[in-house]
Amino acid sequence: MEHIVTVQAVVTAAELDREPTAAELDAIEREMPVITAEVELLDAQIMTLDRPASELDERRIRRARRKVLAARRELANQAAVASVPGVGA
C-alpha cells in the first residue's frame, strides 16, 4: 500500500505565533493617531445606534470624522516626506 503525501511544506504554528518585528511595531506606532481617531469615531457612531442622534451627537460625529481625516492626512504627509530622498530625518 502506498501512502499519498502532500509535497507542500508543512505550516507550523511557530511561524504564526511569532512576535511582531521592530519594523512592524514602528509602523503601528506611526499609525496610532489614525487608529485612535477611528476608535473615537466608532464610539461616537455606536452611541447613536439605539436612539436618534441629537445635535450634540451629530457634532461629536463630525468632530471625530474631521479628526480621522486630519490624522490620515498627517500620516500620508509623513510617508510622502519619508519617500523623498534627502528630506526628513
N, C-alpha and C. Protein backbone atom coordinates (compact mmCIF):
# COMPACT_ATOMS: atom_id res chain seq x y z
N MET A 1 0.84 -1.17 0.00
CA MET A 1 0.00 0.00 0.00
C MET A 1 0.89 1.23 0.00
N GLU A 2 0.62 2.14 -0.91
CA GLU A 2 1.39 3.39 -0.99
C GLU A 2 0.67 4.49 -0.21
N HIS A 3 1.47 5.32 0.44
CA HIS A 3 0.90 6.45 1.17
C HIS A 3 0.90 7.67 0.25
N ILE A 4 -0.19 8.37 0.25
CA ILE A 4 -0.28 9.60 -0.53
C ILE A 4 0.12 10.74 0.41
N VAL A 5 1.14 11.47 0.01
CA VAL A 5 1.68 12.53 0.85
C VAL A 5 1.70 13.83 0.04
N THR A 6 1.41 14.93 0.69
CA THR A 6 1.47 16.23 0.01
C THR A 6 2.92 16.64 -0.17
N VAL A 7 3.16 17.43 -1.19
CA VAL A 7 4.50 17.88 -1.49
C VAL A 7 4.74 19.27 -0.91
N GLN A 8 3.72 19.88 -0.36
CA GLN A 8 3.84 21.23 0.17
C GLN A 8 4.56 21.21 1.51
N ALA A 9 5.15 22.35 1.82
CA ALA A 9 5.82 22.49 3.12
C ALA A 9 4.78 22.51 4.23
N VAL A 10 5.14 22.00 5.35
CA VAL A 10 4.24 21.96 6.49
C VAL A 10 4.18 23.34 7.11
N VAL A 11 2.98 23.80 7.36
CA VAL A 11 2.80 25.10 8.02
C VAL A 11 2.70 24.82 9.51
N THR A 12 3.60 25.38 10.24
CA THR A 12 3.61 25.13 11.68
C THR A 12 3.05 26.33 12.43
N ALA A 13 2.59 26.08 13.61
CA ALA A 13 2.06 27.16 14.44
C ALA A 13 3.17 28.12 14.86
N ALA A 14 4.41 27.65 14.88
CA ALA A 14 5.53 28.50 15.30
C ALA A 14 5.68 29.71 14.38
N GLU A 15 5.41 29.53 13.08
CA GLU A 15 5.52 30.66 12.16
C GLU A 15 4.45 31.70 12.42
N LEU A 16 3.28 31.26 12.87
CA LEU A 16 2.18 32.18 13.10
C LEU A 16 2.21 32.80 14.49
N ASP A 17 2.90 32.18 15.42
CA ASP A 17 2.93 32.66 16.80
C ASP A 17 4.13 33.53 17.11
N ARG A 18 4.72 34.12 16.11
CA ARG A 18 5.91 34.93 16.34
C ARG A 18 5.53 36.31 16.86
N GLU A 19 6.46 36.96 17.48
CA GLU A 19 6.27 38.33 17.96
C GLU A 19 6.43 39.29 16.78
N PRO A 20 5.82 40.48 16.87
CA PRO A 20 6.00 41.46 15.79
C PRO A 20 7.45 41.94 15.73
N THR A 21 7.89 42.23 14.53
CA THR A 21 9.25 42.73 14.35
C THR A 21 9.31 44.20 14.76
N ALA A 22 10.51 44.71 14.86
CA ALA A 22 10.69 46.13 15.20
C ALA A 22 10.07 47.02 14.13
N ALA A 23 10.19 46.63 12.88
CA ALA A 23 9.60 47.42 11.79
C ALA A 23 8.08 47.42 11.88
N GLU A 24 7.49 46.29 12.23
CA GLU A 24 6.04 46.23 12.38
C GLU A 24 5.57 47.08 13.56
N LEU A 25 6.31 47.04 14.65
CA LEU A 25 5.97 47.87 15.81
C LEU A 25 6.10 49.36 15.49
N ASP A 26 7.13 49.73 14.72
CA ASP A 26 7.28 51.13 14.30
C ASP A 26 6.12 51.57 13.42
N ALA A 27 5.69 50.70 12.52
CA ALA A 27 4.55 51.02 11.65
C ALA A 27 3.28 51.22 12.48
N ILE A 28 3.07 50.38 13.46
CA ILE A 28 1.90 50.52 14.33
C ILE A 28 1.98 51.83 15.10
N GLU A 29 3.17 52.17 15.59
CA GLU A 29 3.36 53.41 16.33
C GLU A 29 3.06 54.63 15.46
N ARG A 30 3.51 54.59 14.19
CA ARG A 30 3.23 55.70 13.27
C ARG A 30 1.74 55.83 12.99
N GLU A 31 1.03 54.70 12.93
CA GLU A 31 -0.39 54.71 12.60
C GLU A 31 -1.29 54.89 13.82
N MET A 32 -0.73 54.94 15.01
CA MET A 32 -1.54 55.01 16.23
C MET A 32 -2.47 56.22 16.28
N PRO A 33 -2.09 57.43 15.84
CA PRO A 33 -3.06 58.54 15.85
C PRO A 33 -4.27 58.26 14.97
N VAL A 34 -4.07 57.59 13.83
CA VAL A 34 -5.20 57.25 12.96
C VAL A 34 -6.08 56.21 13.65
N ILE A 35 -5.46 55.23 14.25
CA ILE A 35 -6.21 54.17 14.94
C ILE A 35 -7.04 54.77 16.07
N THR A 36 -6.43 55.64 16.85
CA THR A 36 -7.14 56.27 17.97
C THR A 36 -8.31 57.12 17.47
N ALA A 37 -8.09 57.88 16.41
CA ALA A 37 -9.16 58.72 15.85
C ALA A 37 -10.30 57.86 15.30
N GLU A 38 -9.97 56.75 14.67
CA GLU A 38 -11.01 55.87 14.15
C GLU A 38 -11.81 55.22 15.27
N VAL A 39 -11.16 54.89 16.39
CA VAL A 39 -11.87 54.33 17.53
C VAL A 39 -12.82 55.38 18.11
N GLU A 40 -12.39 56.64 18.20
CA GLU A 40 -13.26 57.71 18.69
C GLU A 40 -14.48 57.87 17.79
N LEU A 41 -14.27 57.81 16.47
CA LEU A 41 -15.38 57.91 15.53
C LEU A 41 -16.34 56.74 15.72
N LEU A 42 -15.81 55.57 15.83
CA LEU A 42 -16.65 54.39 16.04
C LEU A 42 -17.44 54.50 17.34
N ASP A 43 -16.81 54.98 18.40
CA ASP A 43 -17.51 55.18 19.67
C ASP A 43 -18.66 56.17 19.52
N ALA A 44 -18.42 57.26 18.81
CA ALA A 44 -19.46 58.27 18.60
C ALA A 44 -20.61 57.69 17.78
N GLN A 45 -20.30 56.87 16.79
CA GLN A 45 -21.35 56.27 15.98
C GLN A 45 -22.13 55.21 16.76
N ILE A 46 -21.45 54.44 17.59
CA ILE A 46 -22.11 53.41 18.38
C ILE A 46 -23.11 54.03 19.36
N MET A 47 -22.77 55.20 19.88
CA MET A 47 -23.66 55.86 20.84
C MET A 47 -25.01 56.20 20.23
N THR A 48 -25.08 56.32 18.92
CA THR A 48 -26.34 56.72 18.27
C THR A 48 -27.08 55.54 17.64
N LEU A 49 -26.64 54.31 17.89
CA LEU A 49 -27.28 53.16 17.27
C LEU A 49 -28.69 52.91 17.81
N ASP A 50 -28.90 53.10 19.08
CA ASP A 50 -30.18 52.73 19.68
C ASP A 50 -31.10 53.91 19.94
N ARG A 51 -30.72 55.07 19.46
CA ARG A 51 -31.58 56.25 19.65
C ARG A 51 -31.30 57.24 18.54
N PRO A 52 -32.23 58.15 18.31
CA PRO A 52 -31.96 59.19 17.29
C PRO A 52 -30.80 60.08 17.73
N ALA A 53 -30.03 60.50 16.75
CA ALA A 53 -28.86 61.33 17.05
C ALA A 53 -29.31 62.74 17.41
N SER A 54 -28.83 63.23 18.54
CA SER A 54 -29.13 64.60 18.94
C SER A 54 -28.14 65.54 18.23
N GLU A 55 -28.34 66.82 18.43
CA GLU A 55 -27.43 67.79 17.84
C GLU A 55 -26.02 67.61 18.39
N LEU A 56 -25.93 67.31 19.67
CA LEU A 56 -24.62 67.07 20.29
C LEU A 56 -23.95 65.83 19.69
N ASP A 57 -24.74 64.77 19.45
CA ASP A 57 -24.20 63.56 18.83
C ASP A 57 -23.69 63.85 17.43
N GLU A 58 -24.44 64.61 16.68
CA GLU A 58 -24.03 64.95 15.31
C GLU A 58 -22.73 65.75 15.32
N ARG A 59 -22.61 66.69 16.25
CA ARG A 59 -21.36 67.46 16.36
C ARG A 59 -20.20 66.56 16.76
N ARG A 60 -20.45 65.63 17.67
CA ARG A 60 -19.41 64.70 18.12
C ARG A 60 -18.93 63.83 16.95
N ILE A 61 -19.86 63.36 16.12
CA ILE A 61 -19.51 62.53 14.97
C ILE A 61 -18.74 63.36 13.93
N ARG A 62 -19.20 64.58 13.66
CA ARG A 62 -18.49 65.44 12.70
C ARG A 62 -17.07 65.73 13.17
N ARG A 63 -16.92 66.02 14.46
CA ARG A 63 -15.60 66.30 15.03
C ARG A 63 -14.70 65.07 14.92
N ALA A 64 -15.26 63.91 15.20
CA ALA A 64 -14.49 62.67 15.11
C ALA A 64 -14.08 62.39 13.66
N ARG A 65 -14.98 62.64 12.70
CA ARG A 65 -14.63 62.45 11.28
C ARG A 65 -13.50 63.38 10.86
N ARG A 66 -13.58 64.65 11.30
CA ARG A 66 -12.52 65.60 10.96
C ARG A 66 -11.19 65.16 11.58
N LYS A 67 -11.25 64.62 12.79
CA LYS A 67 -10.03 64.15 13.45
C LYS A 67 -9.42 62.97 12.68
N VAL A 68 -10.26 62.05 12.18
CA VAL A 68 -9.78 60.93 11.39
C VAL A 68 -9.12 61.44 10.11
N LEU A 69 -9.78 62.36 9.43
CA LEU A 69 -9.21 62.90 8.19
C LEU A 69 -7.89 63.61 8.44
N ALA A 70 -7.81 64.37 9.53
CA ALA A 70 -6.57 65.07 9.85
C ALA A 70 -5.45 64.08 10.17
N ALA A 71 -5.78 63.03 10.91
CA ALA A 71 -4.75 62.03 11.25
C ALA A 71 -4.28 61.29 10.00
N ARG A 72 -5.22 60.95 9.11
CA ARG A 72 -4.83 60.28 7.86
C ARG A 72 -3.97 61.19 6.99
N ARG A 73 -4.34 62.48 6.94
CA ARG A 73 -3.56 63.44 6.16
C ARG A 73 -2.14 63.55 6.70
N GLU A 74 -2.02 63.63 8.02
CA GLU A 74 -0.70 63.73 8.65
C GLU A 74 0.13 62.49 8.36
N LEU A 75 -0.48 61.32 8.44
CA LEU A 75 0.24 60.08 8.15
C LEU A 75 0.68 60.04 6.68
N ALA A 76 -0.18 60.47 5.78
CA ALA A 76 0.18 60.49 4.36
C ALA A 76 1.29 61.49 4.09
N ASN A 77 1.25 62.64 4.76
CA ASN A 77 2.32 63.63 4.59
C ASN A 77 3.65 63.10 5.12
N GLN A 78 3.62 62.39 6.24
CA GLN A 78 4.84 61.81 6.78
C GLN A 78 5.42 60.78 5.82
N ALA A 79 4.55 59.98 5.22
CA ALA A 79 5.01 58.96 4.25
C ALA A 79 5.59 59.63 3.02
N ALA A 80 4.98 60.73 2.57
CA ALA A 80 5.48 61.43 1.38
C ALA A 80 6.84 62.06 1.66
N VAL A 81 7.00 62.65 2.83
CA VAL A 81 8.28 63.27 3.18
C VAL A 81 9.37 62.19 3.30
N ALA A 82 9.01 61.06 3.89
CA ALA A 82 9.98 59.99 4.08
C ALA A 82 10.41 59.38 2.76
N SER A 83 9.55 59.44 1.73
CA SER A 83 9.89 58.84 0.45
C SER A 83 10.74 59.74 -0.44
N VAL A 84 10.84 61.03 -0.10
CA VAL A 84 11.66 61.96 -0.89
C VAL A 84 13.10 61.85 -0.41
N PRO A 85 14.04 61.52 -1.32
CA PRO A 85 15.43 61.40 -0.90
C PRO A 85 16.01 62.73 -0.44
N GLY A 86 16.75 62.68 0.66
CA GLY A 86 17.42 63.87 1.17
C GLY A 86 16.55 64.75 2.03
N VAL A 87 15.28 64.37 2.24
CA VAL A 87 14.37 65.17 3.05
C VAL A 87 13.99 64.36 4.27
N GLY A 88 13.86 65.01 5.40
CA GLY A 88 13.45 64.32 6.63
C GLY A 88 14.65 63.75 7.35
N ALA A 89 14.34 63.13 8.49
CA ALA A 89 15.43 62.58 9.30
C ALA A 89 15.37 61.08 9.35
